[in-house]
Amino acid sequence: MSRATRMKTLKLQGATSVSSNSGAKKQTWHDIKNIAVSICQIDETRVIQSVKYKESTHSGVTYEKGIKADKNRLMDSNGDIYEIVSAAGDYRMTNLLLRRVET
């Protein structure tokens, strides 16, 4: 089964920095739009030399362009959050390395 046929809708969120009353910078997240993403869990038995790959728990693909690792994250309908470790949008589909955040 192709990964492109297992797409589901997730919220793409963007980070903004706001100042609190004390003047400290705080990062908040706002919804940008809904996008179709196919997410698969990474096989943990493989030995990989890449630090970013070791940090990630899931991989994903999407047709959406312009996703940035430090500026965006994904949230599904269950409230699960996926931080974007790496986003490579050089091809037809954007390849994502994701880390699932425990909430």
PDB file of N, CA and C in Angstrom:
ATOM      1  N   MET A   1       0.841  -1.177   0.000  1.00  0.00           N
ATOM      2  CA  MET A   1       0.000   0.000   0.000  1.00  0.00           C
ATOM      3  C   MET A   1       0.888   1.243   0.000  1.00  0.00           C
ATOM      4  N   SER A   2       0.578   2.165  -0.830  1.00  0.00           N
ATOM      5  CA  SER A   2       1.355   3.387  -0.951  1.00  0.00           C
ATOM      6  C   SER A   2       1.104   4.307   0.243  1.00  0.00           C
ATOM      7  N   ARG A   3       2.147   5.016   0.638  1.00  0.00           N
ATOM      8  CA  ARG A   3       1.990   5.957   1.752  1.00  0.00           C
ATOM      9  C   ARG A   3       1.049   7.094   1.387  1.00  0.00           C
ATOM     10  N   ALA A   4       0.988   7.447   0.106  1.00  0.00           N
ATOM     11  CA  ALA A   4       0.132   8.554  -0.315  1.00  0.00           C
ATOM     12  C   ALA A   4      -1.351   8.205  -0.176  1.00  0.00           C
ATOM     13  N   THR A   5      -1.687   6.931  -0.123  1.00  0.00           N
ATOM     14  CA  THR A   5      -3.096   6.547   0.036  1.00  0.00           C
ATOM     15  C   THR A   5      -3.526   6.526   1.496  1.00  0.00           C
ATOM     16  N   ARG A   6      -2.576   6.649   2.423  1.00  0.00           N
ATOM     17  CA  ARG A   6      -2.891   6.637   3.853  1.00  0.00           C
ATOM     18  C   ARG A   6      -2.866   8.034   4.464  1.00  0.00           C
ATOM     19  N   MET A   7      -3.151   9.040   3.677  1.00  0.00           N
ATOM     20  CA  MET A   7      -3.135  10.424   4.172  1.00  0.00           C
ATOM     21  C   MET A   7      -4.296  10.659   5.129  1.00  0.00           C
ATOM     22  N   LYS A   8      -4.027  11.429   6.168  1.00  0.00           N
ATOM     23  CA  LYS A   8      -5.082  11.907   7.056  1.00  0.00           C
ATOM     24  C   LYS A   8      -4.869  13.390   7.297  1.00  0.00           C
ATOM     25  N   THR A   9      -5.906  14.067   7.723  1.00  0.00           N
ATOM     26  CA  THR A   9      -5.852  15.510   7.901  1.00  0.00           C
ATOM     27  C   THR A   9      -5.319  15.853   9.282  1.00  0.00           C
ATOM     28  N   LEU A  10      -4.279  16.693   9.302  1.00  0.00           N
ATOM     29  CA  LEU A  10      -3.698  17.197  10.539  1.00  0.00           C
ATOM     30  C   LEU A  10      -3.633  18.714  10.463  1.00  0.00           C
ATOM     31  N   LYS A  11      -3.562  19.362  11.633  1.00  0.00           N
ATOM     32  CA  LYS A  11      -3.418  20.814  11.679  1.00  0.00           C
ATOM     33  C   LYS A  11      -1.944  21.174  11.616  1.00  0.00           C
ATOM     34  N   LEU A  12      -1.596  22.053  10.709  1.00  0.00           N
ATOM     35  CA  LEU A  12      -0.259  22.633  10.664  1.00  0.00           C
ATOM     36  C   LEU A  12      -0.292  23.869  11.550  1.00  0.00           C
ATOM     37  N   GLN A  13       0.610  23.925  12.527  1.00  0.00           N
ATOM     38  CA  GLN A  13       0.660  25.044  13.461  1.00  0.00           C
ATOM     39  C   GLN A  13       1.963  25.794  13.306  1.00  0.00           C
ATOM     40  N   GLY A  14       1.907  27.092  13.558  1.00  0.00           N
ATOM     41  CA  GLY A  14       3.084  27.944  13.488  1.00  0.00           C
ATOM     42  C   GLY A  14       3.402  28.540  14.841  1.00  0.00           C
ATOM     43  N   ALA A  15       4.684  28.802  15.066  1.00  0.00           N
ATOM     44  CA  ALA A  15       5.144  29.358  16.340  1.00  0.00           C
ATOM     45  C   ALA A  15       5.246  30.871  16.248  1.00  0.00           C
ATOM     46  N   THR A  16       4.843  31.544  17.311  1.00  0.00           N
ATOM     47  CA  THR A  16       5.038  32.980  17.439  1.00  0.00           C
ATOM     48  C   THR A  16       5.601  33.258  18.837  1.00  0.00           C
ATOM     49  N   SER A  17       6.451  34.238  18.935  1.00  0.00           N
ATOM     50  CA  SER A  17       7.012  34.636  20.227  1.00  0.00           C
ATOM     51  C   SER A  17       6.240  35.832  20.750  1.00  0.00           C
ATOM     52  N   VAL A  18       5.815  35.728  21.993  1.00  0.00           N
ATOM     53  CA  VAL A  18       5.113  36.830  22.646  1.00  0.00           C
ATOM     54  C   VAL A  18       5.844  37.146  23.946  1.00  0.00           C
ATOM     55  N   SER A  19       5.688  38.358  24.399  1.00  0.00           N
ATOM     56  CA  SER A  19       6.291  38.773  25.659  1.00  0.00           C
ATOM     57  C   SER A  19       5.260  38.661  26.773  1.00  0.00           C
ATOM     58  N   SER A  20       5.691  38.092  27.888  1.00  0.00           N
ATOM     59  CA  SER A  20       4.809  38.015  29.049  1.00  0.00           C
ATOM     60  C   SER A  20       4.851  39.350  29.791  1.00  0.00           C
ATOM     61  N   ASN A  21       4.103  39.455  30.869  1.00  0.00           N
ATOM     62  CA  ASN A  21       4.073  40.692  31.665  1.00  0.00           C
ATOM     63  C   ASN A  21       5.438  41.032  32.238  1.00  0.00           C
ATOM     64  N   SER A  22       6.261  40.013  32.492  1.00  0.00           N
ATOM     65  CA  SER A  22       7.597  40.256  33.041  1.00  0.00           C
ATOM     66  C   SER A  22       8.623  40.587  31.967  1.00  0.00           C
ATOM     67  N   GLY A  23       8.238  40.462  30.701  1.00  0.00           N
ATOM     68  CA  GLY A  23       9.136  40.767  29.598  1.00  0.00           C
ATOM     69  C   GLY A  23       9.844  39.558  29.017  1.00  0.00           C
ATOM     70  N   ALA A  24       9.599  38.389  29.593  1.00  0.00           N
ATOM     71  CA  ALA A  24      10.227  37.167  29.087  1.00  0.00           C
ATOM     72  C   ALA A  24       9.536  36.723  27.797  1.00  0.00           C
ATOM     73  N   LYS A  25      10.315  36.179  26.880  1.00  0.00           N
ATOM     74  CA  LYS A  25       9.768  35.671  25.620  1.00  0.00           C
ATOM     75  C   LYS A  25       9.161  34.293  25.842  1.00  0.00           C
ATOM     76  N   LYS A  26       7.990  34.087  25.268  1.00  0.00           N
ATOM     77  CA  LYS A  26       7.287  32.820  25.399  1.00  0.00           C
ATOM     78  C   LYS A  26       6.795  32.409  24.019  1.00  0.00           C
ATOM     79  N   GLN A  27       6.912  31.120  23.683  1.00  0.00           N
ATOM     80  CA  GLN A  27       6.485  30.638  22.381  1.00  0.00           C
ATOM     81  C   GLN A  27       5.050  30.130  22.469  1.00  0.00           C
ATOM     82  N   THR A  28       4.197  30.619  21.563  1.00  0.00           N
ATOM     83  CA  THR A  28       2.821  30.141  21.488  1.00  0.00           C
ATOM     84  C   THR A  28       2.582  29.583  20.090  1.00  0.00           C
ATOM     85  N   TRP A  29       1.601  28.702  19.977  1.00  0.00           N
ATOM     86  CA  TRP A  29       1.293  28.053  18.704  1.00  0.00           C
ATOM     87  C   TRP A  29      -0.084  28.465  18.226  1.00  0.00           C
ATOM     88  N   HIS A  30      -0.206  28.728  16.931  1.00  0.00           N
ATOM     89  CA  HIS A  30      -1.493  29.068  16.329  1.00  0.00           C
ATOM     90  C   HIS A  30      -1.707  28.186  15.097  1.00  0.00           C
ATOM     91  N   ASP A  31      -2.966  27.870  14.814  1.00  0.00           N
ATOM     92  CA  ASP A  31      -3.299  27.038  13.660  1.00  0.00           C
ATOM     93  C   ASP A  31      -3.113  27.835  12.376  1.00  0.00           C
ATOM     94  N   ILE A  32      -2.453  27.226  11.392  1.00  0.00           N
ATOM     95  CA  ILE A  32      -2.278  27.850  10.088  1.00  0.00           C
ATOM     96  C   ILE A  32      -3.321  27.322   9.121  1.00  0.00           C
ATOM     97  N   LYS A  33      -3.345  25.983   8.944  1.00  0.00           N
ATOM     98  CA  LYS A  33      -4.346  25.361   8.075  1.00  0.00           C
ATOM     99  C   LYS A  33      -4.299  23.862   8.265  1.00  0.00           C
ATOM    100  N   ASN A  34      -5.297  23.183   7.718  1.00  0.00           N
ATOM    101  CA  ASN A  34      -5.330  21.730   7.727  1.00  0.00           C
ATOM    102  C   ASN A  34      -4.622  21.211   6.482  1.00  0.00           C
ATOM    103  N   ILE A  35      -3.763  20.188   6.668  1.00  0.00           N
ATOM    104  CA  ILE A  35      -3.043  19.600   5.547  1.00  0.00           C
ATOM    105  C   ILE A  35      -3.163  18.081   5.619  1.00  0.00           C
ATOM    106  N   ALA A  36      -2.979  17.427   4.481  1.00  0.00           N
ATOM    107  CA  ALA A  36      -2.999  15.967   4.406  1.00  0.00           C
ATOM    108  C   ALA A  36      -1.580  15.449   4.598  1.00  0.00           C
ATOM    109  N   VAL A  37      -1.404  14.548   5.571  1.00  0.00           N
ATOM    110  CA  VAL A  37      -0.091  13.986   5.892  1.00  0.00           C
ATOM    111  C   VAL A  37      -0.241  12.486   6.112  1.00  0.00           C
ATOM    112  N   SER A  38       0.716  11.723   5.618  1.00  0.00           N
ATOM    113  CA  SER A  38       0.799  10.295   5.910  1.00  0.00           C
ATOM    114  C   SER A  38       1.924  10.100   6.902  1.00  0.00           C
ATOM    115  N   ILE A  39       1.605   9.528   8.090  1.00  0.00           N
ATOM    116  CA  ILE A  39       2.585   9.352   9.156  1.00  0.00           C
ATOM    117  C   ILE A  39       2.757   7.867   9.444  1.00  0.00           C
ATOM    118  N   CYS A  40       4.020   7.440   9.559  1.00  0.00           N
ATOM    119  CA  CYS A  40       4.358   6.065   9.904  1.00  0.00           C
ATOM    120  C   CYS A  40       5.374   6.076  11.040  1.00  0.00           C
ATOM    121  N   GLN A  41       5.261   5.081  11.938  1.00  0.00           N
ATOM    122  CA  GLN A  41       6.233   4.958  13.013  1.00  0.00           C
ATOM    123  C   GLN A  41       7.533   4.404  12.441  1.00  0.00           C
ATOM    124  N   ILE A  42       8.650   4.904  12.950  1.00  0.00           N
ATOM    125  CA  ILE A  42       9.969   4.473  12.492  1.00  0.00           C
ATOM    126  C   ILE A  42      10.358   3.184  13.202  1.00  0.00           C
ATOM    127  N   ASP A  43      10.940   2.264  12.459  1.00  0.00           N
ATOM    128  CA  ASP A  43      11.428   1.008  13.006  1.00  0.00           C
ATOM    129  C   ASP A  43      12.645   1.290  13.879  1.00  0.00           C
ATOM    130  N   GLU A  44      12.567   0.975  15.156  1.00  0.00           N
ATOM    131  CA  GLU A  44      13.626   1.319  16.102  1.00  0.00           C
ATOM    132  C   GLU A  44      14.786   0.329  16.098  1.00  0.00           C
ATOM    133  N   THR A  45      14.689  -0.755  15.346  1.00  0.00           N
ATOM    134  CA  THR A  45      15.761  -1.741  15.356  1.00  0.00           C
ATOM    135  C   THR A  45      16.894  -1.393  14.399  1.00  0.00           C
ATOM    136  N   ARG A  46      16.703  -0.423  13.528  1.00  0.00           N
ATOM    137  CA  ARG A  46      17.740  -0.034  12.572  1.00  0.00           C
ATOM    138  C   ARG A  46      18.812   0.811  13.246  1.00  0.00           C
ATOM    139  N   VAL A  47      20.046   0.617  12.844  1.00  0.00           N
ATOM    140  CA  VAL A  47      21.171   1.406  13.363  1.00  0.00           C
ATOM    141  C   VAL A  47      21.474   2.492  12.332  1.00  0.00           C
ATOM    142  N   ILE A  48      21.274   3.730  12.712  1.00  0.00           N
ATOM    143  CA  ILE A  48      21.433   4.875  11.817  1.00  0.00           C
ATOM    144  C   ILE A  48      22.440   5.842  12.440  1.00  0.00           C
ATOM    145  N   GLN A  49      23.278   6.454  11.609  1.00  0.00           N
ATOM    146  CA  GLN A  49      24.283   7.391  12.094  1.00  0.00           C
ATOM    147  C   GLN A  49      23.761   8.813  12.239  1.00  0.00           C
ATOM    148  N   SER A  50      22.610   9.125  11.668  1.00  0.00           N
ATOM    149  CA  SER A  50      22.078  10.484  11.692  1.00  0.00           C
ATOM    150  C   SER A  50      21.462  10.811  13.054  1.00  0.00           C
ATOM    151  N   VAL A  51      21.875  11.932  13.636  1.00  0.00           N
ATOM    152  CA  VAL A  51      21.337  12.357  14.928  1.00  0.00           C
ATOM    153  C   VAL A  51      19.866  12.730  14.804  1.00  0.00           C
ATOM    154  N   LYS A  52      19.501  13.417  13.733  1.00  0.00           N
ATOM    155  CA  LYS A  52      18.106  13.810  13.535  1.00  0.00           C
ATOM    156  C   LYS A  52      17.209  12.586  13.390  1.00  0.00           C
ATOM    157  N   TYR A  53      17.686  11.559  12.699  1.00  0.00           N
ATOM    158  CA  TYR A  53      16.897  10.341  12.535  1.00  0.00           C
ATOM    159  C   TYR A  53      16.735   9.624  13.870  1.00  0.00           C
ATOM    160  N   LYS A  54      17.781   9.642  14.707  1.00  0.00           N
ATOM    161  CA  LYS A  54      17.700   9.003  16.021  1.00  0.00           C
ATOM    162  C   LYS A  54      16.715   9.732  16.932  1.00  0.00           C
ATOM    163  N   GLU A  55      16.610  11.058  16.797  1.00  0.00           N
ATOM    164  CA  GLU A  55      15.683  11.854  17.611  1.00  0.00           C
ATOM    165  C   GLU A  55      14.230  11.604  17.225  1.00  0.00           C
ATOM    166  N   SER A  56      13.998  11.233  15.979  1.00  0.00           N
ATOM    167  CA  SER A  56      12.627  11.135  15.480  1.00  0.00           C
ATOM    168  C   SER A  56      11.992   9.796  15.834  1.00  0.00           C
ATOM    169  N   THR A  57      10.668   9.827  16.028  1.00  0.00           N
ATOM    170  CA  THR A  57       9.899   8.621  16.325  1.00  0.00           C
ATOM    171  C   THR A  57       9.002   8.220  15.157  1.00  0.00           C
ATOM    172  N   HIS A  58       8.695   9.164  14.271  1.00  0.00           N
ATOM    173  CA  HIS A  58       7.810   8.917  13.139  1.00  0.00           C
ATOM    174  C   HIS A  58       8.374   9.613  11.893  1.00  0.00           C
ATOM    175  N   SER A  59       7.954   9.133  10.737  1.00  0.00           N
ATOM    176  CA  SER A  59       8.271   9.815   9.482  1.00  0.00           C
ATOM    177  C   SER A  59       6.957  10.141   8.798  1.00  0.00           C
ATOM    178  N   GLY A  60       6.991  11.166   7.956  1.00  0.00           N
ATOM    179  CA  GLY A  60       5.772  11.576   7.275  1.00  0.00           C
ATOM    180  C   GLY A  60       6.054  12.135   5.902  1.00  0.00           C
ATOM    181  N   VAL A  61       5.028  12.140   5.067  1.00  0.00           N
ATOM    182  CA  VAL A  61       5.104  12.775   3.755  1.00  0.00           C
ATOM    183  C   VAL A  61       3.837  13.588   3.547  1.00  0.00           C
ATOM    184  N   THR A  62       3.986  14.706   2.843  1.00  0.00           N
ATOM    185  CA  THR A  62       2.865  15.581   2.535  1.00  0.00           C
ATOM    186  C   THR A  62       3.143  16.317   1.231  1.00  0.00           C
ATOM    187  N   TYR A  63       2.088  16.789   0.591  1.00  0.00           N
ATOM    188  CA  TYR A  63       2.243  17.591  -0.615  1.00  0.00           C
ATOM    189  C   TYR A  63       2.486  19.059  -0.297  1.00  0.00           C
ATOM    190  N   GLU A  64       2.322  19.444   0.958  1.00  0.00           N
ATOM    191  CA  GLU A  64       2.472  20.842   1.394  1.00  0.00           C
ATOM    192  C   GLU A  64       3.932  21.273   1.306  1.00  0.00           C
ATOM    193  N   LYS A  65       4.169  22.457   0.803  1.00  0.00           N
ATOM    194  CA  LYS A  65       5.523  23.019   0.704  1.00  0.00           C
ATOM    195  C   LYS A  65       5.686  24.135   1.728  1.00  0.00           C
ATOM    196  N   GLY A  66       6.927  24.472   2.035  1.00  0.00           N
ATOM    197  CA  GLY A  66       7.214  25.590   2.930  1.00  0.00           C
ATOM    198  C   GLY A  66       7.189  25.254   4.402  1.00  0.00           C
ATOM    199  N   ILE A  67       7.196  23.987   4.763  1.00  0.00           N
ATOM    200  CA  ILE A  67       7.208  23.596   6.171  1.00  0.00           C
ATOM    201  C   ILE A  67       8.623  23.725   6.711  1.00  0.00           C
ATOM    202  N   LYS A  68       8.762  24.327   7.875  1.00  0.00           N
ATOM    203  CA  LYS A  68      10.063  24.553   8.511  1.00  0.00           C
ATOM    204  C   LYS A  68      10.142  23.779   9.826  1.00  0.00           C
ATOM    205  N   ALA A  69      11.306  23.210  10.094  1.00  0.00           N
ATOM    206  CA  ALA A  69      11.482  22.394  11.290  1.00  0.00           C
ATOM    207  C   ALA A  69      11.365  23.201  12.576  1.00  0.00           C
ATOM    208  N   ASP A  70      11.862  24.420  12.612  1.00  0.00           N
ATOM    209  CA  ASP A  70      11.853  25.206  13.844  1.00  0.00           C
ATOM    210  C   ASP A  70      10.646  26.128  13.970  1.00  0.00           C
ATOM    211  N   LYS A  71       9.838  26.215  12.942  1.00  0.00           N
ATOM    212  CA  LYS A  71       8.708  27.149  12.935  1.00  0.00           C
ATOM    213  C   LYS A  71       7.335  26.469  12.943  1.00  0.00           C
ATOM    214  N   ASN A  72       7.275  25.166  12.633  1.00  0.00           N
ATOM    215  CA  ASN A  72       5.992  24.484  12.502  1.00  0.00           C
ATOM    216  C   ASN A  72       5.954  23.195  13.313  1.00  0.00           C
ATOM    217  N   ARG A  73       4.730  22.733  13.586  1.00  0.00           N
ATOM    218  CA  ARG A  73       4.483  21.425  14.170  1.00  0.00           C
ATOM    219  C   ARG A  73       3.127  20.938  13.675  1.00  0.00           C
ATOM    220  N   LEU A  74       2.812  19.667  13.929  1.00  0.00           N
ATOM    221  CA  LEU A  74       1.556  19.075  13.480  1.00  0.00           C
ATOM    222  C   LEU A  74       0.761  18.600  14.685  1.00  0.00           C
ATOM    223  N   MET A  75      -0.579  18.697  14.600  1.00  0.00           N
ATOM    224  CA  MET A  75      -1.454  18.188  15.642  1.00  0.00           C
ATOM    225  C   MET A  75      -2.603  17.438  14.990  1.00  0.00           C
ATOM    226  N   ASP A  76      -2.877  16.218  15.477  1.00  0.00           N
ATOM    227  CA  ASP A  76      -3.976  15.447  14.894  1.00  0.00           C
ATOM    228  C   ASP A  76      -5.256  15.658  15.683  1.00  0.00           C
ATOM    229  N   SER A  77      -6.328  14.999  15.257  1.00  0.00           N
ATOM    230  CA  SER A  77      -7.647  15.217  15.864  1.00  0.00           C
ATOM    231  C   SER A  77      -7.722  14.677  17.291  1.00  0.00           C
ATOM    232  N   ASN A  78      -6.820  13.765  17.677  1.00  0.00           N
ATOM    233  CA  ASN A  78      -6.793  13.236  19.042  1.00  0.00           C
ATOM    234  C   ASN A  78      -6.030  14.137  20.002  1.00  0.00           C
ATOM    235  N   GLY A  79      -5.403  15.182  19.480  1.00  0.00           N
ATOM    236  CA  GLY A  79      -4.607  16.075  20.299  1.00  0.00           C
ATOM    237  C   GLY A  79      -3.142  15.685  20.372  1.00  0.00           C
ATOM    238  N   ASP A  80      -2.738  14.630  19.651  1.00  0.00           N
ATOM    239  CA  ASP A  80      -1.332  14.238  19.612  1.00  0.00           C
ATOM    240  C   ASP A  80      -0.540  15.277  18.828  1.00  0.00           C
ATOM    241  N   ILE A  81       0.627  15.650  19.350  1.00  0.00           N
ATOM    242  CA  ILE A  81       1.461  16.680  18.739  1.00  0.00           C
ATOM    243  C   ILE A  81       2.734  16.036  18.216  1.00  0.00           C
ATOM    244  N   TYR A  82       3.114  16.426  17.001  1.00  0.00           N
ATOM    245  CA  TYR A  82       4.334  15.947  16.371  1.00  0.00           C
ATOM    246  C   TYR A  82       5.235  17.148  16.082  1.00  0.00           C
ATOM    247  N   GLU A  83       6.394  17.204  16.745  1.00  0.00           N
ATOM    248  CA  GLU A  83       7.389  18.229  16.439  1.00  0.00           C
ATOM    249  C   GLU A  83       8.099  17.832  15.153  1.00  0.00           C
ATOM    250  N   ILE A  84       8.398  18.793  14.323  1.00  0.00           N
ATOM    251  CA  ILE A  84       9.085  18.527  13.069  1.00  0.00           C
ATOM    252  C   ILE A  84      10.589  18.644  13.310  1.00  0.00           C
ATOM    253  N   VAL A  85      11.292  17.512  13.220  1.00  0.00           N
ATOM    254  CA  VAL A  85      12.737  17.463  13.414  1.00  0.00           C
ATOM    255  C   VAL A  85      13.444  17.916  12.148  1.00  0.00           C
ATOM    256  N   SER A  86      12.926  17.482  10.987  1.00  0.00           N
ATOM    257  CA  SER A  86      13.519  17.819   9.700  1.00  0.00           C
ATOM    258  C   SER A  86      12.424  17.826   8.646  1.00  0.00           C
ATOM    259  N   ALA A  87      12.533  18.758   7.694  1.00  0.00           N
ATOM    260  CA  ALA A  87      11.587  18.842   6.585  1.00  0.00           C
ATOM    261  C   ALA A  87      12.367  19.060   5.297  1.00  0.00           C
ATOM    262  N   ALA A  88      12.262  18.110   4.375  1.00  0.00           N
ATOM    263  CA  ALA A  88      12.952  18.199   3.087  1.00  0.00           C
ATOM    264  C   ALA A  88      11.900  18.309   1.991  1.00  0.00           C
ATOM    265  N   GLY A  89      11.717  19.528   1.475  1.00  0.00           N
ATOM    266  CA  GLY A  89      10.692  19.785   0.476  1.00  0.00           C
ATOM    267  C   GLY A  89      11.229  19.974  -0.920  1.00  0.00           C
ATOM    268  N   ASP A  90      12.339  19.335  -1.244  1.00  0.00           N
ATOM    269  CA  ASP A  90      12.973  19.525  -2.546  1.00  0.00           C
ATOM    270  C   ASP A  90      12.299  18.736  -3.662  1.00  0.00           C
ATOM    271  N   TYR A  91      11.457  17.808  -3.309  1.00  0.00           N
ATOM    272  CA  TYR A  91      10.864  16.914  -4.292  1.00  0.00           C
ATOM    273  C   TYR A  91       9.369  17.180  -4.420  1.00  0.00           C
ATOM    274  N   ARG A  92       8.666  16.280  -5.102  1.00  0.00           N
ATOM    275  CA  ARG A  92       7.225  16.436  -5.301  1.00  0.00           C
ATOM    276  C   ARG A  92       6.490  16.453  -3.970  1.00  0.00           C
ATOM    277  N   MET A  93       6.928  15.602  -3.045  1.00  0.00           N
ATOM    278  CA  MET A  93       6.339  15.559  -1.705  1.00  0.00           C
ATOM    279  C   MET A  93       7.397  15.986  -0.694  1.00  0.00           C
ATOM    280  N   THR A  94       6.954  16.600   0.381  1.00  0.00           N
ATOM    281  CA  THR A  94       7.848  16.995   1.459  1.00  0.00           C
ATOM    282  C   THR A  94       8.020  15.821   2.415  1.00  0.00           C
ATOM    283  N   ASN A  95       9.269  15.418   2.660  1.00  0.00           N
ATOM    284  CA  ASN A  95       9.578  14.346   3.597  1.00  0.00           C
ATOM    285  C   ASN A  95       9.820  14.947   4.971  1.00  0.00           C
ATOM    286  N   LEU A  96       9.165  14.376   5.984  1.00  0.00           N
ATOM    287  CA  LEU A  96       9.251  14.894   7.337  1.00  0.00           C
ATOM    288  C   LEU A  96       9.810  13.847   8.295  1.00  0.00           C
ATOM    289  N   LEU A  97      10.691  14.260   9.179  1.00  0.00           N
ATOM    290  CA  LEU A  97      11.074  13.458  10.332  1.00  0.00           C
ATOM    291  C   LEU A  97      10.379  14.098  11.528  1.00  0.00           C
ATOM    292  N   LEU A  98       9.612  13.309  12.282  1.00  0.00           N
ATOM    293  CA  LEU A  98       8.766  13.827  13.345  1.00  0.00           C
ATOM    294  C   LEU A  98       9.110  13.181  14.683  1.00  0.00           C
ATOM    295  N   ARG A  99       8.905  13.925  15.760  1.00  0.00           N
ATOM    296  CA  ARG A  99       9.042  13.396  17.107  1.00  0.00           C
ATOM    297  C   ARG A  99       7.695  13.615  17.796  1.00  0.00           C
ATOM    298  N   ARG A 100       7.096  12.533  18.237  1.00  0.00           N
ATOM    299  CA  ARG A 100       5.803  12.636  18.914  1.00  0.00           C
ATOM    300  C   ARG A 100       6.024  13.166  20.328  1.00  0.00           C
ATOM    301  N   VAL A 101       5.274  14.196  20.689  1.00  0.00           N
ATOM    302  CA  VAL A 101       5.399  14.836  21.993  1.00  0.00           C
ATOM    303  C   VAL A 101       4.412  14.190  22.947  1.00  0.00           C
ATOM    304  N   GLU A 102       4.912  13.769  24.088  1.00  0.00           N
ATOM    305  CA  GLU A 102       4.053  13.191  25.122  1.00  0.00           C
ATOM    306  C   GLU A 102       3.373  14.321  25.880  1.00  0.00           C
ATOM    307  N   THR A 103       2.047  14.297  25.901  1.00  0.00           N
ATOM    308  CA  THR A 103       1.304  15.353  26.595  1.00  0.00           C
ATOM    309  C   THR A 103       0.601  14.825  27.809  1.00  0.00           C
TER     310      THR A 103
END
